[in-house]
Amino acid sequence: MNYTHDDYQKAVDVIRQKTTQQPTIGLVLGSGLGSLADTLANATAIPYSEIPGWPTSTVHGHAGRLVIGELEGHTVVAQQGRAHFYEGYDMQTITFPIRVMHFLGINTLILTNAAGGVDPSYSVG
C-alpha cells in the first residue's frame, strides 16, 4: 500500500477530533507493557478501528487502542499493540502509525517489544 500525505492527515484529523492534547512523545507498547497506557492521566483512548488507515493487530494481549494522556508531566501518545509483518501486512502499513505520530508532532519515540518462546506453558507478557 502506498500512502499519501492526505492518508496520514485523515488519521491525524480523526485523532485531533477526539482530544485537544498535543503529545510530543510516542510509545509503542508490546504485549507485556500495554497496561502502562491504562495509567495515563487525563487519557483519551481511541480504538484503532476508528482511525482511517490504522492497521489492527491479531496478537493476543494487544488491546488495539491509541491512548493519549499525561505520564510523569509529559503528554504522550501510546500504542497499545501494533501490527506485525507476520500478520500479512506490508511495511508501509506497519509503519503507518509511526508516520501518523510524526504528523501529530511527536519528536521522541520509544519502542518496546516482548521476546517470546515456543513453550506452550509460557504466558503472554
PDB file of N, CA and C in Angstrom:
ATOM      1  N   MET A   1       0.856  -1.182   0.000  1.00  0.00           N
ATOM      2  CA  MET A   1       0.000   0.000   0.000  1.00  0.00           C
ATOM      3  C   MET A   1       0.892   1.232   0.000  1.00  0.00           C
ATOM      4  N   ASN A   2       0.610   2.146  -0.859  1.00  0.00           N
ATOM      5  CA  ASN A   2       1.328   3.413  -0.881  1.00  0.00           C
ATOM      6  C   ASN A   2       0.424   4.490  -0.301  1.00  0.00           C
ATOM      7  N   TYR A   3       0.853   5.061   0.812  1.00  0.00           N
ATOM      8  CA  TYR A   3       0.069   6.092   1.477  1.00  0.00           C
ATOM      9  C   TYR A   3       0.497   7.467   0.994  1.00  0.00           C
ATOM     10  N   THR A   4      -0.436   8.397   1.029  1.00  0.00           N
ATOM     11  CA  THR A   4      -0.161   9.776   0.640  1.00  0.00           C
ATOM     12  C   THR A   4      -0.239  10.673   1.873  1.00  0.00           C
ATOM     13  N   HIS A   5       0.185  11.899   1.693  1.00  0.00           N
ATOM     14  CA  HIS A   5       0.078  12.896   2.759  1.00  0.00           C
ATOM     15  C   HIS A   5      -1.365  12.986   3.249  1.00  0.00           C
ATOM     16  N   ASP A   6      -2.315  12.929   2.337  1.00  0.00           N
ATOM     17  CA  ASP A   6      -3.734  13.008   2.706  1.00  0.00           C
ATOM     18  C   ASP A   6      -4.164  11.838   3.589  1.00  0.00           C
ATOM     19  N   ASP A   7      -3.617  10.650   3.340  1.00  0.00           N
ATOM     20  CA  ASP A   7      -3.954   9.484   4.167  1.00  0.00           C
ATOM     21  C   ASP A   7      -3.517   9.710   5.612  1.00  0.00           C
ATOM     22  N   TYR A   8      -2.302  10.221   5.784  1.00  0.00           N
ATOM     23  CA  TYR A   8      -1.810  10.493   7.137  1.00  0.00           C
ATOM     24  C   TYR A   8      -2.634  11.600   7.783  1.00  0.00           C
ATOM     25  N   GLN A   9      -2.954  12.623   6.995  1.00  0.00           N
ATOM     26  CA  GLN A   9      -3.703  13.755   7.534  1.00  0.00           C
ATOM     27  C   GLN A   9      -5.103  13.349   7.971  1.00  0.00           C
ATOM     28  N   LYS A  10      -5.750  12.451   7.240  1.00  0.00           N
ATOM     29  CA  LYS A  10      -7.079  11.974   7.641  1.00  0.00           C
ATOM     30  C   LYS A  10      -7.020  11.298   9.009  1.00  0.00           C
ATOM     31  N   ALA A  11      -5.997  10.496   9.230  1.00  0.00           N
ATOM     32  CA  ALA A  11      -5.841   9.835  10.527  1.00  0.00           C
ATOM     33  C   ALA A  11      -5.597  10.865  11.624  1.00  0.00           C
ATOM     34  N   VAL A  12      -4.733  11.827  11.354  1.00  0.00           N
ATOM     35  CA  VAL A  12      -4.445  12.886  12.327  1.00  0.00           C
ATOM     36  C   VAL A  12      -5.713  13.668  12.648  1.00  0.00           C
ATOM     37  N   ASP A  13      -6.499  13.987  11.642  1.00  0.00           N
ATOM     38  CA  ASP A  13      -7.732  14.751  11.859  1.00  0.00           C
ATOM     39  C   ASP A  13      -8.685  14.013  12.793  1.00  0.00           C
ATOM     40  N   VAL A  14      -8.829  12.705  12.615  1.00  0.00           N
ATOM     41  CA  VAL A  14      -9.705  11.918  13.495  1.00  0.00           C
ATOM     42  C   VAL A  14      -9.176  11.946  14.924  1.00  0.00           C
ATOM     43  N   ILE A  15      -7.885  11.783  15.083  1.00  0.00           N
ATOM     44  CA  ILE A  15      -7.288  11.798  16.427  1.00  0.00           C
ATOM     45  C   ILE A  15      -7.501  13.154  17.081  1.00  0.00           C
ATOM     46  N   ARG A  16      -7.271  14.222  16.339  1.00  0.00           N
ATOM     47  CA  ARG A  16      -7.411  15.576  16.901  1.00  0.00           C
ATOM     48  C   ARG A  16      -8.863  15.930  17.196  1.00  0.00           C
ATOM     49  N   GLN A  17      -9.808  15.277  16.527  1.00  0.00           N
ATOM     50  CA  GLN A  17     -11.224  15.499  16.841  1.00  0.00           C
ATOM     51  C   GLN A  17     -11.582  14.911  18.200  1.00  0.00           C
ATOM     52  N   LYS A  18     -10.808  13.949  18.653  1.00  0.00           N
ATOM     53  CA  LYS A  18     -11.127  13.241  19.893  1.00  0.00           C
ATOM     54  C   LYS A  18     -10.384  13.771  21.113  1.00  0.00           C
ATOM     55  N   THR A  19      -9.344  14.583  20.900  1.00  0.00           N
ATOM     56  CA  THR A  19      -8.596  15.143  22.025  1.00  0.00           C
ATOM     57  C   THR A  19      -7.937  16.451  21.609  1.00  0.00           C
ATOM     58  N   THR A  20      -7.779  17.342  22.576  1.00  0.00           N
ATOM     59  CA  THR A  20      -7.062  18.590  22.324  1.00  0.00           C
ATOM     60  C   THR A  20      -5.616  18.499  22.799  1.00  0.00           C
ATOM     61  N   GLN A  21      -5.247  17.398  23.425  1.00  0.00           N
ATOM     62  CA  GLN A  21      -3.880  17.236  23.915  1.00  0.00           C
ATOM     63  C   GLN A  21      -2.901  17.141  22.750  1.00  0.00           C
ATOM     64  N   GLN A  22      -1.706  17.697  22.942  1.00  0.00           N
ATOM     65  CA  GLN A  22      -0.668  17.706  21.914  1.00  0.00           C
ATOM     66  C   GLN A  22       0.532  16.886  22.393  1.00  0.00           C
ATOM     67  N   PRO A  23       0.555  15.595  22.099  1.00  0.00           N
ATOM     68  CA  PRO A  23       1.666  14.766  22.568  1.00  0.00           C
ATOM     69  C   PRO A  23       2.966  15.092  21.842  1.00  0.00           C
ATOM     70  N   THR A  24       4.078  14.926  22.563  1.00  0.00           N
ATOM     71  CA  THR A  24       5.405  15.103  21.968  1.00  0.00           C
ATOM     72  C   THR A  24       6.230  13.826  22.058  1.00  0.00           C
ATOM     73  N   ILE A  25       5.737  12.853  22.822  1.00  0.00           N
ATOM     74  CA  ILE A  25       6.431  11.573  22.988  1.00  0.00           C
ATOM     75  C   ILE A  25       5.501  10.459  22.536  1.00  0.00           C
ATOM     76  N   GLY A  26       6.030   9.551  21.725  1.00  0.00           N
ATOM     77  CA  GLY A  26       5.276   8.390  21.279  1.00  0.00           C
ATOM     78  C   GLY A  26       5.801   7.129  21.934  1.00  0.00           C
ATOM     79  N   LEU A  27       4.896   6.252  22.328  1.00  0.00           N
ATOM     80  CA  LEU A  27       5.247   4.964  22.930  1.00  0.00           C
ATOM     81  C   LEU A  27       4.599   3.855  22.116  1.00  0.00           C
ATOM     82  N   VAL A  28       5.379   2.861  21.730  1.00  0.00           N
ATOM     83  CA  VAL A  28       4.834   1.662  21.102  1.00  0.00           C
ATOM     84  C   VAL A  28       4.988   0.560  22.134  1.00  0.00           C
ATOM     85  N   LEU A  29       3.864   0.134  22.707  1.00  0.00           N
ATOM     86  CA  LEU A  29       3.876  -0.795  23.835  1.00  0.00           C
ATOM     87  C   LEU A  29       3.583  -2.212  23.372  1.00  0.00           C
ATOM     88  N   GLY A  30       4.483  -3.123  23.683  1.00  0.00           N
ATOM     89  CA  GLY A  30       4.298  -4.530  23.352  1.00  0.00           C
ATOM     90  C   GLY A  30       3.384  -5.218  24.343  1.00  0.00           C
ATOM     91  N   SER A  31       3.249  -6.517  24.180  1.00  0.00           N
ATOM     92  CA  SER A  31       2.320  -7.324  24.986  1.00  0.00           C
ATOM     93  C   SER A  31       2.500  -7.129  26.483  1.00  0.00           C
ATOM     94  N   GLY A  32       3.724  -7.084  26.940  1.00  0.00           N
ATOM     95  CA  GLY A  32       3.976  -7.003  28.373  1.00  0.00           C
ATOM     96  C   GLY A  32       3.816  -5.625  28.969  1.00  0.00           C
ATOM     97  N   LEU A  33       3.788  -4.580  28.137  1.00  0.00           N
ATOM     98  CA  LEU A  33       3.725  -3.214  28.653  1.00  0.00           C
ATOM     99  C   LEU A  33       2.449  -2.471  28.281  1.00  0.00           C
ATOM    100  N   GLY A  34       1.523  -3.126  27.622  1.00  0.00           N
ATOM    101  CA  GLY A  34       0.295  -2.467  27.190  1.00  0.00           C
ATOM    102  C   GLY A  34      -0.477  -1.811  28.314  1.00  0.00           C
ATOM    103  N   SER A  35      -0.382  -2.373  29.504  1.00  0.00           N
ATOM    104  CA  SER A  35      -1.128  -1.819  30.637  1.00  0.00           C
ATOM    105  C   SER A  35      -0.584  -0.463  31.084  1.00  0.00           C
ATOM    106  N   LEU A  36       0.619  -0.090  30.662  1.00  0.00           N
ATOM    107  CA  LEU A  36       1.151   1.229  31.002  1.00  0.00           C
ATOM    108  C   LEU A  36       0.215   2.328  30.502  1.00  0.00           C
ATOM    109  N   ALA A  37      -0.373   2.134  29.347  1.00  0.00           N
ATOM    110  CA  ALA A  37      -1.284   3.136  28.788  1.00  0.00           C
ATOM    111  C   ALA A  37      -2.504   3.342  29.680  1.00  0.00           C
ATOM    112  N   ASP A  38      -2.882   2.316  30.430  1.00  0.00           N
ATOM    113  CA  ASP A  38      -4.034   2.432  31.330  1.00  0.00           C
ATOM    114  C   ASP A  38      -3.744   3.325  32.526  1.00  0.00           C
ATOM    115  N   THR A  39      -2.479   3.671  32.746  1.00  0.00           N
ATOM    116  CA  THR A  39      -2.107   4.513  33.883  1.00  0.00           C
ATOM    117  C   THR A  39      -1.990   5.987  33.507  1.00  0.00           C
ATOM    118  N   LEU A  40      -2.178   6.329  32.242  1.00  0.00           N
ATOM    119  CA  LEU A  40      -2.043   7.719  31.823  1.00  0.00           C
ATOM    120  C   LEU A  40      -3.152   8.569  32.434  1.00  0.00           C
ATOM    121  N   ALA A  41      -2.782   9.749  32.907  1.00  0.00           N
ATOM    122  CA  ALA A  41      -3.757  10.682  33.476  1.00  0.00           C
ATOM    123  C   ALA A  41      -4.442  11.454  32.350  1.00  0.00           C
ATOM    124  N   ASN A  42      -5.680  11.862  32.587  1.00  0.00           N
ATOM    125  CA  ASN A  42      -6.452  12.648  31.618  1.00  0.00           C
ATOM    126  C   ASN A  42      -6.414  12.007  30.231  1.00  0.00           C
ATOM    127  N   ALA A  43      -6.601  10.713  30.194  1.00  0.00           N
ATOM    128  CA  ALA A  43      -6.399   9.946  28.963  1.00  0.00           C
ATOM    129  C   ALA A  43      -7.632   9.904  28.069  1.00  0.00           C
ATOM    130  N   THR A  44      -7.366   9.873  26.785  1.00  0.00           N
ATOM    131  CA  THR A  44      -8.359   9.612  25.756  1.00  0.00           C
ATOM    132  C   THR A  44      -7.910   8.364  25.017  1.00  0.00           C
ATOM    133  N   ALA A  45      -8.765   7.356  24.949  1.00  0.00           N
ATOM    134  CA  ALA A  45      -8.443   6.108  24.251  1.00  0.00           C
ATOM    135  C   ALA A  45      -9.253   6.036  22.960  1.00  0.00           C
ATOM    136  N   ILE A  46      -8.575   5.738  21.871  1.00  0.00           N
ATOM    137  CA  ILE A  46      -9.213   5.655  20.558  1.00  0.00           C
ATOM    138  C   ILE A  46      -8.946   4.270  19.979  1.00  0.00           C
ATOM    139  N   PRO A  47      -9.987   3.477  19.748  1.00  0.00           N
ATOM    140  CA  PRO A  47      -9.770   2.175  19.104  1.00  0.00           C
ATOM    141  C   PRO A  47      -9.168   2.366  17.709  1.00  0.00           C
ATOM    142  N   TYR A  48      -8.227   1.507  17.359  1.00  0.00           N
ATOM    143  CA  TYR A  48      -7.611   1.598  16.034  1.00  0.00           C
ATOM    144  C   TYR A  48      -8.651   1.561  14.925  1.00  0.00           C
ATOM    145  N   SER A  49      -9.732   0.844  15.138  1.00  0.00           N
ATOM    146  CA  SER A  49     -10.767   0.713  14.105  1.00  0.00           C
ATOM    147  C   SER A  49     -11.422   2.050  13.758  1.00  0.00           C
ATOM    148  N   GLU A  50     -11.270   3.060  14.616  1.00  0.00           N
ATOM    149  CA  GLU A  50     -11.856   4.377  14.365  1.00  0.00           C
ATOM    150  C   GLU A  50     -10.906   5.322  13.637  1.00  0.00           C
ATOM    151  N   ILE A  51      -9.660   4.893  13.436  1.00  0.00           N
ATOM    152  CA  ILE A  51      -8.660   5.747  12.795  1.00  0.00           C
ATOM    153  C   ILE A  51      -8.445   5.248  11.363  1.00  0.00           C
ATOM    154  N   PRO A  52      -8.775   6.066  10.357  1.00  0.00           N
ATOM    155  CA  PRO A  52      -8.642   5.607   8.975  1.00  0.00           C
ATOM    156  C   PRO A  52      -7.209   5.189   8.642  1.00  0.00           C
ATOM    157  N   GLY A  53      -7.077   4.011   8.027  1.00  0.00           N
ATOM    158  CA  GLY A  53      -5.780   3.515   7.599  1.00  0.00           C
ATOM    159  C   GLY A  53      -4.974   2.795   8.653  1.00  0.00           C
ATOM    160  N   TRP A  54      -5.405   2.878   9.919  1.00  0.00           N
ATOM    161  CA  TRP A  54      -4.621   2.302  11.014  1.00  0.00           C
ATOM    162  C   TRP A  54      -4.787   0.783  11.028  1.00  0.00           C
ATOM    163  N   PRO A  55      -3.693   0.034  10.958  1.00  0.00           N
ATOM    164  CA  PRO A  55      -3.802  -1.428  10.965  1.00  0.00           C
ATOM    165  C   PRO A  55      -4.103  -1.965  12.362  1.00  0.00           C
ATOM    166  N   THR A  56      -4.814  -3.064  12.419  1.00  0.00           N
ATOM    167  CA  THR A  56      -5.122  -3.697  13.702  1.00  0.00           C
ATOM    168  C   THR A  56      -4.325  -4.983  13.846  1.00  0.00           C
ATOM    169  N   SER A  57      -3.972  -5.289  15.068  1.00  0.00           N
ATOM    170  CA  SER A  57      -3.198  -6.492  15.363  1.00  0.00           C
ATOM    171  C   SER A  57      -4.131  -7.631  15.752  1.00  0.00           C
ATOM    172  N   THR A  58      -3.732  -8.831  15.398  1.00  0.00           N
ATOM    173  CA  THR A  58      -4.484 -10.020  15.802  1.00  0.00           C
ATOM    174  C   THR A  58      -3.778 -10.749  16.939  1.00  0.00           C
ATOM    175  N   VAL A  59      -2.722 -10.148  17.474  1.00  0.00           N
ATOM    176  CA  VAL A  59      -1.907 -10.786  18.507  1.00  0.00           C
ATOM    177  C   VAL A  59      -2.605 -10.711  19.863  1.00  0.00           C
ATOM    178  N   HIS A  60      -2.657 -11.840  20.559  1.00  0.00           N
ATOM    179  CA  HIS A  60      -3.228 -11.898  21.906  1.00  0.00           C
ATOM    180  C   HIS A  60      -2.444 -10.957  22.822  1.00  0.00           C
ATOM    181  N   GLY A  61      -3.165 -10.151  23.587  1.00  0.00           N
ATOM    182  CA  GLY A  61      -2.519  -9.225  24.507  1.00  0.00           C
ATOM    183  C   GLY A  61      -2.350  -7.826  23.958  1.00  0.00           C
ATOM    184  N   HIS A  62      -2.711  -7.596  22.695  1.00  0.00           N
ATOM    185  CA  HIS A  62      -2.645  -6.261  22.112  1.00  0.00           C
ATOM    186  C   HIS A  62      -4.051  -5.679  22.099  1.00  0.00           C
ATOM    187  N   ALA A  63      -4.260  -4.616  22.871  1.00  0.00           N
ATOM    188  CA  ALA A  63      -5.599  -4.042  23.043  1.00  0.00           C
ATOM    189  C   ALA A  63      -6.119  -3.352  21.785  1.00  0.00           C
ATOM    190  N   GLY A  64      -5.224  -2.880  20.920  1.00  0.00           N
ATOM    191  CA  GLY A  64      -5.677  -2.230  19.697  1.00  0.00           C
ATOM    192  C   GLY A  64      -6.254  -0.850  19.921  1.00  0.00           C
ATOM    193  N   ARG A  65      -5.578  -0.064  20.773  1.00  0.00           N
ATOM    194  CA  ARG A  65      -6.050   1.294  21.062  1.00  0.00           C
ATOM    195  C   ARG A  65      -4.882   2.268  21.028  1.00  0.00           C
ATOM    196  N   LEU A  66      -5.191   3.486  20.657  1.00  0.00           N
ATOM    197  CA  LEU A  66      -4.258   4.595  20.767  1.00  0.00           C
ATOM    198  C   LEU A  66      -4.698   5.396  21.985  1.00  0.00           C
ATOM    199  N   VAL A  67      -3.795   5.606  22.926  1.00  0.00           N
ATOM    200  CA  VAL A  67      -4.146   6.305  24.163  1.00  0.00           C
ATOM    201  C   VAL A  67      -3.269   7.547  24.279  1.00  0.00           C
ATOM    202  N   ILE A  68      -3.915   8.695  24.465  1.00  0.00           N
ATOM    203  CA  ILE A  68      -3.208   9.965  24.606  1.00  0.00           C
ATOM    204  C   ILE A  68      -3.497  10.495  25.997  1.00  0.00           C
ATOM    205  N   GLY A  69      -2.431  10.842  26.730  1.00  0.00           N
ATOM    206  CA  GLY A  69      -2.605  11.340  28.086  1.00  0.00           C
ATOM    207  C   GLY A  69      -1.290  11.800  28.684  1.00  0.00           C
ATOM    208  N   GLU A  70      -1.315  11.991  29.995  1.00  0.00           N
ATOM    209  CA  GLU A  70      -0.157  12.521  30.714  1.00  0.00           C
ATOM    210  C   GLU A  70       0.585  11.408  31.444  1.00  0.00           C
ATOM    211  N   LEU A  71       1.914  11.437  31.341  1.00  0.00           N
ATOM    212  CA  LEU A  71       2.777  10.484  32.033  1.00  0.00           C
ATOM    213  C   LEU A  71       3.985  11.242  32.563  1.00  0.00           C
ATOM    214  N   GLU A  72       4.095  11.307  33.870  1.00  0.00           N
ATOM    215  CA  GLU A  72       5.244  11.968  34.505  1.00  0.00           C
ATOM    216  C   GLU A  72       5.463  13.384  33.968  1.00  0.00           C
ATOM    217  N   GLY A  73       4.380  14.128  33.803  1.00  0.00           N
ATOM    218  CA  GLY A  73       4.480  15.517  33.368  1.00  0.00           C
ATOM    219  C   GLY A  73       4.636  15.725  31.871  1.00  0.00           C
ATOM    220  N   HIS A  74       4.551  14.660  31.090  1.00  0.00           N
ATOM    221  CA  HIS A  74       4.683  14.746  29.637  1.00  0.00           C
ATOM    222  C   HIS A  74       3.394  14.263  28.974  1.00  0.00           C
ATOM    223  N   THR A  75       3.017  14.912  27.893  1.00  0.00           N
ATOM    224  CA  THR A  75       1.890  14.423  27.109  1.00  0.00           C
ATOM    225  C   THR A  75       2.424  13.398  26.120  1.00  0.00           C
ATOM    226  N   VAL A  76       1.852  12.200  26.177  1.00  0.00           N
ATOM    227  CA  VAL A  76       2.330  11.091  25.354  1.00  0.00           C
ATOM    228  C   VAL A  76       1.177  10.492  24.564  1.00  0.00           C
ATOM    229  N   VAL A  77       1.536   9.826  23.487  1.00  0.00           N
ATOM    230  CA  VAL A  77       0.590   9.002  22.741  1.00  0.00           C
ATOM    231  C   VAL A  77       1.152   7.590  22.779  1.00  0.00           C
ATOM    232  N   ALA A  78       0.323   6.649  23.215  1.00  0.00           N
ATOM    233  CA  ALA A  78       0.773   5.269  23.386  1.00  0.00           C
ATOM    234  C   ALA A  78      -0.030   4.339  22.494  1.00  0.00           C
ATOM    235  N   GLN A  79       0.680   3.503  21.772  1.00  0.00           N
ATOM    236  CA  GLN A  79       0.040   2.440  21.002  1.00  0.00           C
ATOM    237  C   GLN A  79      -0.072   1.221  21.901  1.00  0.00           C
ATOM    238  N   GLN A  80      -1.287   0.769  22.160  1.00  0.00           N
ATOM    239  CA  GLN A  80      -1.495  -0.483  22.894  1.00  0.00           C
ATOM    240  C   GLN A  80      -1.583  -1.596  21.866  1.00  0.00           C
ATOM    241  N   GLY A  81      -0.420  -2.095  21.486  1.00  0.00           N
ATOM    242  CA  GLY A  81      -0.329  -3.121  20.456  1.00  0.00           C
ATOM    243  C   GLY A  81      -0.016  -2.514  19.108  1.00  0.00           C
ATOM    244  N   ARG A  82       0.448  -3.372  18.210  1.00  0.00           N
ATOM    245  CA  ARG A  82       0.806  -2.913  16.874  1.00  0.00           C
ATOM    246  C   ARG A  82       0.647  -4.060  15.891  1.00  0.00           C
ATOM    247  N   ALA A  83       0.651  -3.701  14.613  1.00  0.00           N
ATOM    248  CA  ALA A  83       0.585  -4.703  13.548  1.00  0.00           C
ATOM    249  C   ALA A  83       1.979  -5.261  13.291  1.00  0.00           C
ATOM    250  N   HIS A  84       2.022  -6.491  12.817  1.00  0.00           N
ATOM    251  CA  HIS A  84       3.288  -7.174  12.566  1.00  0.00           C
ATOM    252  C   HIS A  84       3.356  -7.663  11.120  1.00  0.00           C
ATOM    253  N   PHE A  85       4.573  -7.785  10.613  1.00  0.00           N
ATOM    254  CA  PHE A  85       4.798  -8.289   9.260  1.00  0.00           C
ATOM    255  C   PHE A  85       4.247  -9.703   9.106  1.00  0.00           C
ATOM    256  N   TYR A  86       4.417 -10.529  10.149  1.00  0.00           N
ATOM    257  CA  TYR A  86       3.952 -11.918  10.060  1.00  0.00           C
ATOM    258  C   TYR A  86       2.427 -12.044  10.055  1.00  0.00           C
ATOM    259  N   GLU A  87       1.724 -10.943  10.305  1.00  0.00           N
ATOM    260  CA  GLU A  87       0.263 -10.952  10.212  1.00  0.00           C
ATOM    261  C   GLU A  87      -0.206 -10.680   8.781  1.00  0.00           C
ATOM    262  N   GLY A  88       0.739 -10.482   7.878  1.00  0.00           N
ATOM    263  CA  GLY A  88       0.393 -10.273   6.480  1.00  0.00           C
ATOM    264  C   GLY A  88       0.407  -8.827   6.017  1.00  0.00           C
ATOM    265  N   TYR A  89       0.782  -7.909   6.882  1.00  0.00           N
ATOM    266  CA  TYR A  89       0.849  -6.500   6.499  1.00  0.00           C
ATOM    267  C   TYR A  89       2.155  -6.201   5.771  1.00  0.00           C
ATOM    268  N   ASP A  90       2.101  -5.256   4.816  1.00  0.00           N
ATOM    269  CA  ASP A  90       3.336  -4.813   4.177  1.00  0.00           C
ATOM    270  C   ASP A  90       3.992  -3.744   5.059  1.00  0.00           C
ATOM    271  N   MET A  91       5.225  -3.416   4.753  1.00  0.00           N
ATOM    272  CA  MET A  91       5.981  -2.494   5.602  1.00  0.00           C
ATOM    273  C   MET A  91       5.388  -1.083   5.626  1.00  0.00           C
ATOM    274  N   GLN A  92       4.798  -0.642   4.530  1.00  0.00           N
ATOM    275  CA  GLN A  92       4.175   0.687   4.527  1.00  0.00           C
ATOM    276  C   GLN A  92       3.012   0.740   5.513  1.00  0.00           C
ATOM    277  N   THR A  93       2.253  -0.340   5.593  1.00  0.00           N
ATOM    278  CA  THR A  93       1.121  -0.391   6.523  1.00  0.00           C
ATOM    279  C   THR A  93       1.615  -0.497   7.960  1.00  0.00           C
ATOM    280  N   ILE A  94       2.643  -1.281   8.179  1.00  0.00           N
ATOM    281  CA  ILE A  94       3.192  -1.434   9.531  1.00  0.00           C
ATOM    282  C   ILE A  94       3.728  -0.107  10.056  1.00  0.00           C
ATOM    283  N   THR A  95       4.332   0.694   9.184  1.00  0.00           N
ATOM    284  CA  THR A  95       4.909   1.970   9.628  1.00  0.00           C
ATOM    285  C   THR A  95       3.909   3.126   9.594  1.00  0.00           C
ATOM    286  N   PHE A  96       2.706   2.892   9.108  1.00  0.00           N
ATOM    287  CA  PHE A  96       1.686   3.943   9.055  1.00  0.00           C
ATOM    288  C   PHE A  96       1.499   4.640  10.409  1.00  0.00           C
ATOM    289  N   PRO A  97       1.326   3.899  11.523  1.00  0.00           N
ATOM    290  CA  PRO A  97       1.136   4.570  12.812  1.00  0.00           C
ATOM    291  C   PRO A  97       2.309   5.465  13.221  1.00  0.00           C
ATOM    292  N   ILE A  98       3.532   5.051  12.902  1.00  0.00           N
ATOM    293  CA  ILE A  98       4.701   5.860  13.255  1.00  0.00           C
ATOM    294  C   ILE A  98       4.695   7.157  12.461  1.00  0.00           C
ATOM    295  N   ARG A  99       4.333   7.073  11.210  1.00  0.00           N
ATOM    296  CA  ARG A  99       4.269   8.281  10.381  1.00  0.00           C
ATOM    297  C   ARG A  99       3.151   9.212  10.855  1.00  0.00           C
ATOM    298  N   VAL A 100       2.033   8.643  11.276  1.00  0.00           N
ATOM    299  CA  VAL A 100       0.948   9.465  11.823  1.00  0.00           C
ATOM    300  C   VAL A 100       1.428  10.169  13.094  1.00  0.00           C
ATOM    301  N   MET A 101       2.167   9.457  13.939  1.00  0.00           N
ATOM    302  CA  MET A 101       2.712  10.093  15.143  1.00  0.00           C
ATOM    303  C   MET A 101       3.592  11.284  14.772  1.00  0.00           C
ATOM    304  N   HIS A 102       4.388  11.137  13.730  1.00  0.00           N
ATOM    305  CA  HIS A 102       5.220  12.254  13.264  1.00  0.00           C
ATOM    306  C   HIS A 102       4.334  13.441  12.882  1.00  0.00           C
ATOM    307  N   PHE A 103       3.259  13.179  12.152  1.00  0.00           N
ATOM    308  CA  PHE A 103       2.337  14.239  11.746  1.00  0.00           C
ATOM    309  C   PHE A 103       1.650  14.875  12.955  1.00  0.00           C
ATOM    310  N   LEU A 104       1.513  14.120  14.044  1.00  0.00           N
ATOM    311  CA  LEU A 104       0.922  14.665  15.279  1.00  0.00           C
ATOM    312  C   LEU A 104       1.892  15.581  16.027  1.00  0.00           C
ATOM    313  N   GLY A 105       3.174  15.534  15.681  1.00  0.00           N
ATOM    314  CA  GLY A 105       4.167  16.368  16.344  1.00  0.00           C
ATOM    315  C   GLY A 105       5.087  15.623  17.290  1.00  0.00           C
ATOM    316  N   ILE A 106       5.086  14.304  17.220  1.00  0.00           N
ATOM    317  CA  ILE A 106       5.965  13.506  18.076  1.00  0.00           C
ATOM    318  C   ILE A 106       7.413  13.764  17.684  1.00  0.00           C
ATOM    319  N   ASN A 107       8.261  14.080  18.679  1.00  0.00           N
ATOM    320  CA  ASN A 107       9.684  14.261  18.395  1.00  0.00           C
ATOM    321  C   ASN A 107      10.562  13.257  19.136  1.00  0.00           C
ATOM    322  N   THR A 108       9.953  12.438  19.978  1.00  0.00           N
ATOM    323  CA  THR A 108      10.658  11.360  20.677  1.00  0.00           C
ATOM    324  C   THR A 108       9.795  10.112  20.581  1.00  0.00           C
ATOM    325  N   LEU A 109      10.401   8.993  20.191  1.00  0.00           N
ATOM    326  CA  LEU A 109       9.670   7.741  20.036  1.00  0.00           C
ATOM    327  C   LEU A 109      10.365   6.655  20.842  1.00  0.00           C
ATOM    328  N   ILE A 110       9.598   5.970  21.680  1.00  0.00           N
ATOM    329  CA  ILE A 110      10.114   4.870  22.493  1.00  0.00           C
ATOM    330  C   ILE A 110       9.435   3.589  22.031  1.00  0.00           C
ATOM    331  N   LEU A 111      10.246   2.638  21.577  1.00  0.00           N
ATOM    332  CA  LEU A 111       9.739   1.361  21.077  1.00  0.00           C
ATOM    333  C   LEU A 111      10.012   0.275  22.099  1.00  0.00           C
ATOM    334  N   THR A 112       9.031  -0.586  22.328  1.00  0.00           N
ATOM    335  CA  THR A 112       9.220  -1.730  23.220  1.00  0.00           C
ATOM    336  C   THR A 112       8.806  -2.993  22.478  1.00  0.00           C
ATOM    337  N   ASN A 113       9.234  -4.120  22.994  1.00  0.00           N
ATOM    338  CA  ASN A 113       8.806  -5.388  22.415  1.00  0.00           C
ATOM    339  C   ASN A 113       8.897  -6.471  23.479  1.00  0.00           C
ATOM    340  N   ALA A 114       8.277  -7.561  23.198  1.00  0.00           N
ATOM    341  CA  ALA A 114       8.375  -8.734  24.067  1.00  0.00           C
ATOM    342  C   ALA A 114       9.074  -9.830  23.274  1.00  0.00           C
ATOM    343  N   ALA A 115       9.952 -10.544  23.934  1.00  0.00           N
ATOM    344  CA  ALA A 115      10.597 -11.696  23.304  1.00  0.00           C
ATOM    345  C   ALA A 115       9.805 -12.932  23.701  1.00  0.00           C
ATOM    346  N   GLY A 116       9.561 -13.800  22.754  1.00  0.00           N
ATOM    347  CA  GLY A 116       8.709 -14.952  23.021  1.00  0.00           C
ATOM    348  C   GLY A 116       9.451 -16.261  22.993  1.00  0.00           C
ATOM    349  N   GLY A 117       8.708 -17.293  23.316  1.00  0.00           N
ATOM    350  CA  GLY A 117       9.232 -18.644  23.291  1.00  0.00           C
ATOM    351  C   GLY A 117       8.221 -19.581  22.673  1.00  0.00           C
ATOM    352  N   VAL A 118       8.650 -20.775  22.382  1.00  0.00           N
ATOM    353  CA  VAL A 118       7.762 -21.744  21.744  1.00  0.00           C
ATOM    354  C   VAL A 118       7.136 -22.710  22.735  1.00  0.00           C
ATOM    355  N   ASP A 119       7.473 -22.603  23.992  1.00  0.00           N
ATOM    356  CA  ASP A 119       6.919 -23.489  25.016  1.00  0.00           C
ATOM    357  C   ASP A 119       5.472 -23.084  25.290  1.00  0.00           C
ATOM    358  N   PRO A 120       4.490 -23.954  25.057  1.00  0.00           N
ATOM    359  CA  PRO A 120       3.080 -23.594  25.246  1.00  0.00           C
ATOM    360  C   PRO A 120       2.713 -23.278  26.694  1.00  0.00           C
ATOM    361  N   SER A 121       3.580 -23.579  27.634  1.00  0.00           N
ATOM    362  CA  SER A 121       3.273 -23.261  29.029  1.00  0.00           C
ATOM    363  C   SER A 121       3.611 -21.808  29.366  1.00  0.00           C
ATOM    364  N   TYR A 122       4.302 -21.091  28.466  1.00  0.00           N
ATOM    365  CA  TYR A 122       4.630 -19.686  28.698  1.00  0.00           C
ATOM    366  C   TYR A 122       3.367 -18.843  28.588  1.00  0.00           C
ATOM    367  N   SER A 123       3.305 -17.758  29.364  1.00  0.00           N
ATOM    368  CA  SER A 123       2.168 -16.841  29.337  1.00  0.00           C
ATOM    369  C   SER A 123       2.535 -15.571  28.589  1.00  0.00           C
ATOM    370  N   VAL A 124       1.533 -14.897  28.023  1.00  0.00           N
ATOM    371  CA  VAL A 124       1.749 -13.612  27.378  1.00  0.00           C
ATOM    372  C   VAL A 124       2.221 -12.625  28.426  1.00  0.00           C
ATOM    373  N   GLY A 125       3.200 -11.810  28.078  1.00  0.00           N
ATOM    374  CA  GLY A 125       3.703 -10.791  28.998  1.00  0.00           C
ATOM    375  C   GLY A 125       5.031 -11.157  29.497  1.00  0.00           C
TER     376      GLY A 125
END
